[in-house]
C-alpha cells in the first residue's frame, strides 16, 4: 500500500479506504505505529493540537495534512514528524 505524490483525489481516497480496512482488521489491543512519507503539511491550527501537538514545522496545512490528521483523529492516534 503506497500513497503517491501528485495523484488524483480518487487515488488518495482509495489509499485511505485501504488504510482504514487494514487498520480495522488489526487487533484493538495491539500498539499501532503507522510510518510513511505522506507529503503532508501539518499546520499549527488549534483544532489539530490534540493530534499533532505544539511542534508543527509548518504554519498552514495542505490537503494531505488534513487527510492524515482526520484519519489519526478518527482512530485516536497522534501524529509525530521529524
N, C-alpha and C. Protein backbone atom coordinates (compact mmCIF):
# COMPACT_ATOMS: atom_id res chain seq x y z
N UNK A 1 0.86 -1.16 0.00
CA UNK A 1 0.00 0.00 0.00
C UNK A 1 0.91 1.22 0.00
N UNK A 2 0.64 2.15 -0.91
CA UNK A 2 1.53 3.28 -1.04
C UNK A 2 0.78 4.52 -1.49
N UNK A 3 0.98 5.62 -0.76
CA UNK A 3 0.45 6.91 -1.19
C UNK A 3 1.47 7.52 -2.13
N UNK A 4 1.01 8.15 -3.20
CA UNK A 4 1.93 8.70 -4.17
C UNK A 4 1.65 10.16 -4.40
N UNK A 5 2.73 10.90 -4.59
CA UNK A 5 2.68 12.34 -4.83
C UNK A 5 2.01 12.61 -6.17
N UNK A 6 1.20 13.65 -6.23
CA UNK A 6 0.62 14.08 -7.49
C UNK A 6 -0.54 13.23 -7.97
N UNK A 7 -1.05 12.37 -7.15
CA UNK A 7 -2.16 11.51 -7.57
C UNK A 7 -3.48 12.24 -7.40
N UNK A 8 -4.49 11.73 -8.08
CA UNK A 8 -5.82 12.33 -8.03
C UNK A 8 -6.46 12.11 -6.66
N UNK A 9 -7.51 12.89 -6.40
CA UNK A 9 -8.23 12.71 -5.14
C UNK A 9 -8.81 11.30 -5.05
N UNK A 10 -9.20 10.72 -6.18
CA UNK A 10 -9.73 9.35 -6.18
C UNK A 10 -8.69 8.35 -5.71
N UNK A 11 -7.45 8.53 -6.16
CA UNK A 11 -6.36 7.65 -5.72
C UNK A 11 -6.09 7.83 -4.23
N UNK A 12 -6.13 9.07 -3.77
CA UNK A 12 -5.93 9.34 -2.34
C UNK A 12 -7.06 8.73 -1.52
N UNK A 13 -8.29 8.87 -2.03
CA UNK A 13 -9.44 8.27 -1.33
C UNK A 13 -9.28 6.76 -1.25
N UNK A 14 -8.84 6.14 -2.35
CA UNK A 14 -8.64 4.68 -2.36
C UNK A 14 -7.59 4.27 -1.35
N UNK A 15 -6.50 5.04 -1.29
CA UNK A 15 -5.44 4.75 -0.32
C UNK A 15 -5.98 4.78 1.10
N UNK A 16 -6.73 5.82 1.44
CA UNK A 16 -7.24 5.94 2.81
C UNK A 16 -8.33 4.91 3.10
N UNK A 17 -9.07 4.49 2.09
CA UNK A 17 -10.05 3.41 2.28
C UNK A 17 -9.32 2.10 2.59
N UNK A 18 -8.23 1.84 1.86
CA UNK A 18 -7.45 0.63 2.12
C UNK A 18 -6.78 0.71 3.49
N UNK A 19 -6.26 1.87 3.85
CA UNK A 19 -5.66 2.06 5.16
C UNK A 19 -6.70 1.82 6.26
N UNK A 20 -7.88 2.31 6.05
CA UNK A 20 -8.99 2.11 7.00
C UNK A 20 -9.27 0.61 7.18
N UNK A 21 -9.30 -0.13 6.09
CA UNK A 21 -9.55 -1.58 6.14
C UNK A 21 -8.44 -2.31 6.90
N UNK A 22 -7.20 -1.98 6.58
CA UNK A 22 -6.07 -2.61 7.25
C UNK A 22 -6.13 -2.32 8.74
N UNK A 23 -6.35 -1.07 9.09
CA UNK A 23 -6.40 -0.66 10.49
C UNK A 23 -7.55 -1.37 11.22
N UNK A 24 -8.69 -1.47 10.55
CA UNK A 24 -9.87 -2.11 11.14
C UNK A 24 -9.62 -3.59 11.46
N UNK A 25 -8.79 -4.24 10.64
CA UNK A 25 -8.54 -5.67 10.82
C UNK A 25 -7.45 -5.99 11.83
N UNK A 26 -6.77 -4.99 12.35
CA UNK A 26 -5.76 -5.21 13.38
C UNK A 26 -6.43 -5.37 14.74
N UNK A 27 -5.86 -6.23 15.60
CA UNK A 27 -6.43 -6.37 16.94
C UNK A 27 -6.42 -5.02 17.68
N UNK A 28 -7.48 -4.73 18.38
CA UNK A 28 -7.63 -3.44 19.07
C UNK A 28 -6.60 -3.23 20.17
N UNK A 29 -6.15 -4.30 20.78
CA UNK A 29 -5.26 -4.18 21.92
C UNK A 29 -3.78 -4.05 21.52
N UNK A 30 -3.46 -4.16 20.24
CA UNK A 30 -2.07 -4.02 19.79
C UNK A 30 -1.70 -2.55 19.62
N UNK A 31 -0.44 -2.26 19.90
CA UNK A 31 0.08 -0.93 19.63
C UNK A 31 0.26 -0.79 18.13
N UNK A 32 -0.17 0.33 17.58
CA UNK A 32 -0.09 0.55 16.14
C UNK A 32 0.81 1.75 15.85
N UNK A 33 1.74 1.54 14.94
CA UNK A 33 2.62 2.62 14.50
C UNK A 33 2.53 2.67 12.98
N UNK A 34 2.13 3.79 12.48
CA UNK A 34 1.97 4.00 11.04
C UNK A 34 3.11 4.89 10.58
N UNK A 35 3.95 4.36 9.70
CA UNK A 35 5.11 5.11 9.21
C UNK A 35 4.95 5.37 7.73
N UNK A 36 5.45 6.48 7.29
CA UNK A 36 5.44 6.75 5.86
C UNK A 36 5.66 8.21 5.58
N UNK A 37 5.93 8.49 4.33
CA UNK A 37 6.08 9.86 3.87
C UNK A 37 4.77 10.24 3.20
N UNK A 38 3.96 10.99 3.90
CA UNK A 38 2.65 11.37 3.39
C UNK A 38 2.67 12.72 2.67
N UNK A 39 3.85 13.34 2.57
CA UNK A 39 3.97 14.67 1.94
C UNK A 39 2.95 15.64 2.51
N UNK A 40 2.74 15.53 3.79
CA UNK A 40 1.71 16.33 4.46
C UNK A 40 2.32 17.55 5.14
N UNK A 41 1.65 18.67 5.01
CA UNK A 41 1.99 19.86 5.78
C UNK A 41 1.00 19.93 6.93
N UNK A 42 1.53 19.92 8.14
CA UNK A 42 0.68 19.97 9.33
C UNK A 42 0.83 21.34 9.96
N UNK A 43 -0.21 22.11 9.90
CA UNK A 43 -0.16 23.47 10.41
C UNK A 43 -0.29 23.54 11.91
N UNK A 44 -0.32 24.75 12.41
CA UNK A 44 -0.38 24.99 13.85
C UNK A 44 -1.78 25.36 14.30
N UNK A 45 -2.79 24.90 13.56
CA UNK A 45 -4.17 25.21 13.91
C UNK A 45 -4.53 24.62 15.27
N UNK A 46 -5.18 25.39 16.08
CA UNK A 46 -5.56 24.97 17.43
C UNK A 46 -6.43 23.72 17.39
N UNK A 47 -7.27 23.59 16.41
CA UNK A 47 -8.18 22.45 16.33
C UNK A 47 -7.43 21.12 16.20
N UNK A 48 -6.21 21.12 15.67
CA UNK A 48 -5.43 19.90 15.50
C UNK A 48 -4.45 19.66 16.64
N UNK A 49 -4.38 20.54 17.60
CA UNK A 49 -3.37 20.48 18.66
C UNK A 49 -3.37 19.14 19.40
N UNK A 50 -4.53 18.57 19.67
CA UNK A 50 -4.57 17.31 20.41
C UNK A 50 -4.01 16.15 19.59
N UNK A 51 -4.00 16.29 18.27
CA UNK A 51 -3.49 15.23 17.41
C UNK A 51 -2.04 15.44 17.03
N UNK A 52 -1.61 16.68 16.79
CA UNK A 52 -0.25 16.92 16.33
C UNK A 52 0.63 17.62 17.37
N UNK A 53 0.06 18.07 18.44
CA UNK A 53 0.85 18.73 19.49
C UNK A 53 1.25 20.14 19.12
N UNK A 54 2.27 20.64 19.80
CA UNK A 54 2.72 22.03 19.62
C UNK A 54 3.92 22.17 18.70
N UNK A 55 4.43 21.10 18.16
CA UNK A 55 5.71 21.12 17.47
C UNK A 55 5.62 21.09 15.95
N UNK A 56 4.56 21.54 15.35
CA UNK A 56 4.44 21.52 13.90
C UNK A 56 5.50 22.40 13.26
N UNK A 57 6.04 21.93 12.14
CA UNK A 57 7.06 22.68 11.41
C UNK A 57 6.46 23.68 10.43
N UNK A 58 5.17 23.61 10.21
CA UNK A 58 4.52 24.44 9.20
C UNK A 58 3.51 25.38 9.85
N UNK A 59 3.21 26.46 9.17
CA UNK A 59 2.20 27.38 9.68
C UNK A 59 0.80 27.01 9.19
N UNK A 60 0.72 26.43 8.02
CA UNK A 60 -0.57 26.04 7.43
C UNK A 60 -0.52 24.55 7.10
N UNK A 61 -1.68 23.99 6.83
CA UNK A 61 -1.75 22.60 6.43
C UNK A 61 -2.22 22.52 4.98
N UNK A 62 -1.94 21.38 4.35
CA UNK A 62 -2.44 21.14 2.99
C UNK A 62 -3.45 19.99 3.03
N UNK A 63 -3.97 19.61 1.86
CA UNK A 63 -4.97 18.55 1.77
C UNK A 63 -4.44 17.25 2.35
N UNK A 64 -3.18 16.94 2.07
CA UNK A 64 -2.60 15.70 2.58
C UNK A 64 -2.48 15.76 4.10
N UNK A 65 -2.16 16.92 4.63
CA UNK A 65 -2.10 17.08 6.08
C UNK A 65 -3.46 16.90 6.72
N UNK A 66 -4.47 17.47 6.09
CA UNK A 66 -5.84 17.34 6.62
C UNK A 66 -6.28 15.88 6.60
N UNK A 67 -5.93 15.17 5.54
CA UNK A 67 -6.31 13.75 5.44
C UNK A 67 -5.68 12.92 6.55
N UNK A 68 -4.38 13.10 6.77
CA UNK A 68 -3.72 12.28 7.79
C UNK A 68 -4.18 12.66 9.19
N UNK A 69 -4.42 13.94 9.42
CA UNK A 69 -4.91 14.37 10.74
C UNK A 69 -6.33 13.85 10.96
N UNK A 70 -7.17 13.90 9.95
CA UNK A 70 -8.53 13.38 10.09
C UNK A 70 -8.51 11.88 10.38
N UNK A 71 -7.65 11.14 9.67
CA UNK A 71 -7.56 9.70 9.92
C UNK A 71 -7.07 9.46 11.35
N UNK A 72 -6.00 10.12 11.74
CA UNK A 72 -5.44 9.93 13.08
C UNK A 72 -6.45 10.29 14.16
N UNK A 73 -7.15 11.38 13.97
CA UNK A 73 -8.15 11.80 14.95
C UNK A 73 -9.25 10.75 15.08
N UNK A 74 -9.70 10.20 13.96
CA UNK A 74 -10.78 9.21 13.99
C UNK A 74 -10.36 7.92 14.68
N UNK A 75 -9.05 7.67 14.73
CA UNK A 75 -8.53 6.45 15.35
C UNK A 75 -7.89 6.71 16.71
N UNK A 76 -8.00 7.93 17.19
CA UNK A 76 -7.42 8.31 18.48
C UNK A 76 -5.90 8.10 18.48
N UNK A 77 -5.27 8.49 17.37
CA UNK A 77 -3.82 8.40 17.22
C UNK A 77 -3.21 9.79 17.31
N UNK A 78 -1.91 9.85 17.47
CA UNK A 78 -1.20 11.13 17.41
C UNK A 78 -0.26 11.10 16.21
N UNK A 79 0.02 12.25 15.66
CA UNK A 79 0.90 12.39 14.51
C UNK A 79 2.20 13.03 14.98
N UNK A 80 3.30 12.38 14.69
CA UNK A 80 4.63 12.89 15.01
C UNK A 80 5.42 12.97 13.72
N UNK A 81 6.31 13.92 13.62
CA UNK A 81 7.12 14.04 12.42
C UNK A 81 8.50 14.52 12.80
N UNK A 82 9.42 14.33 11.85
CA UNK A 82 10.80 14.78 12.10
C UNK A 82 11.29 15.61 10.93
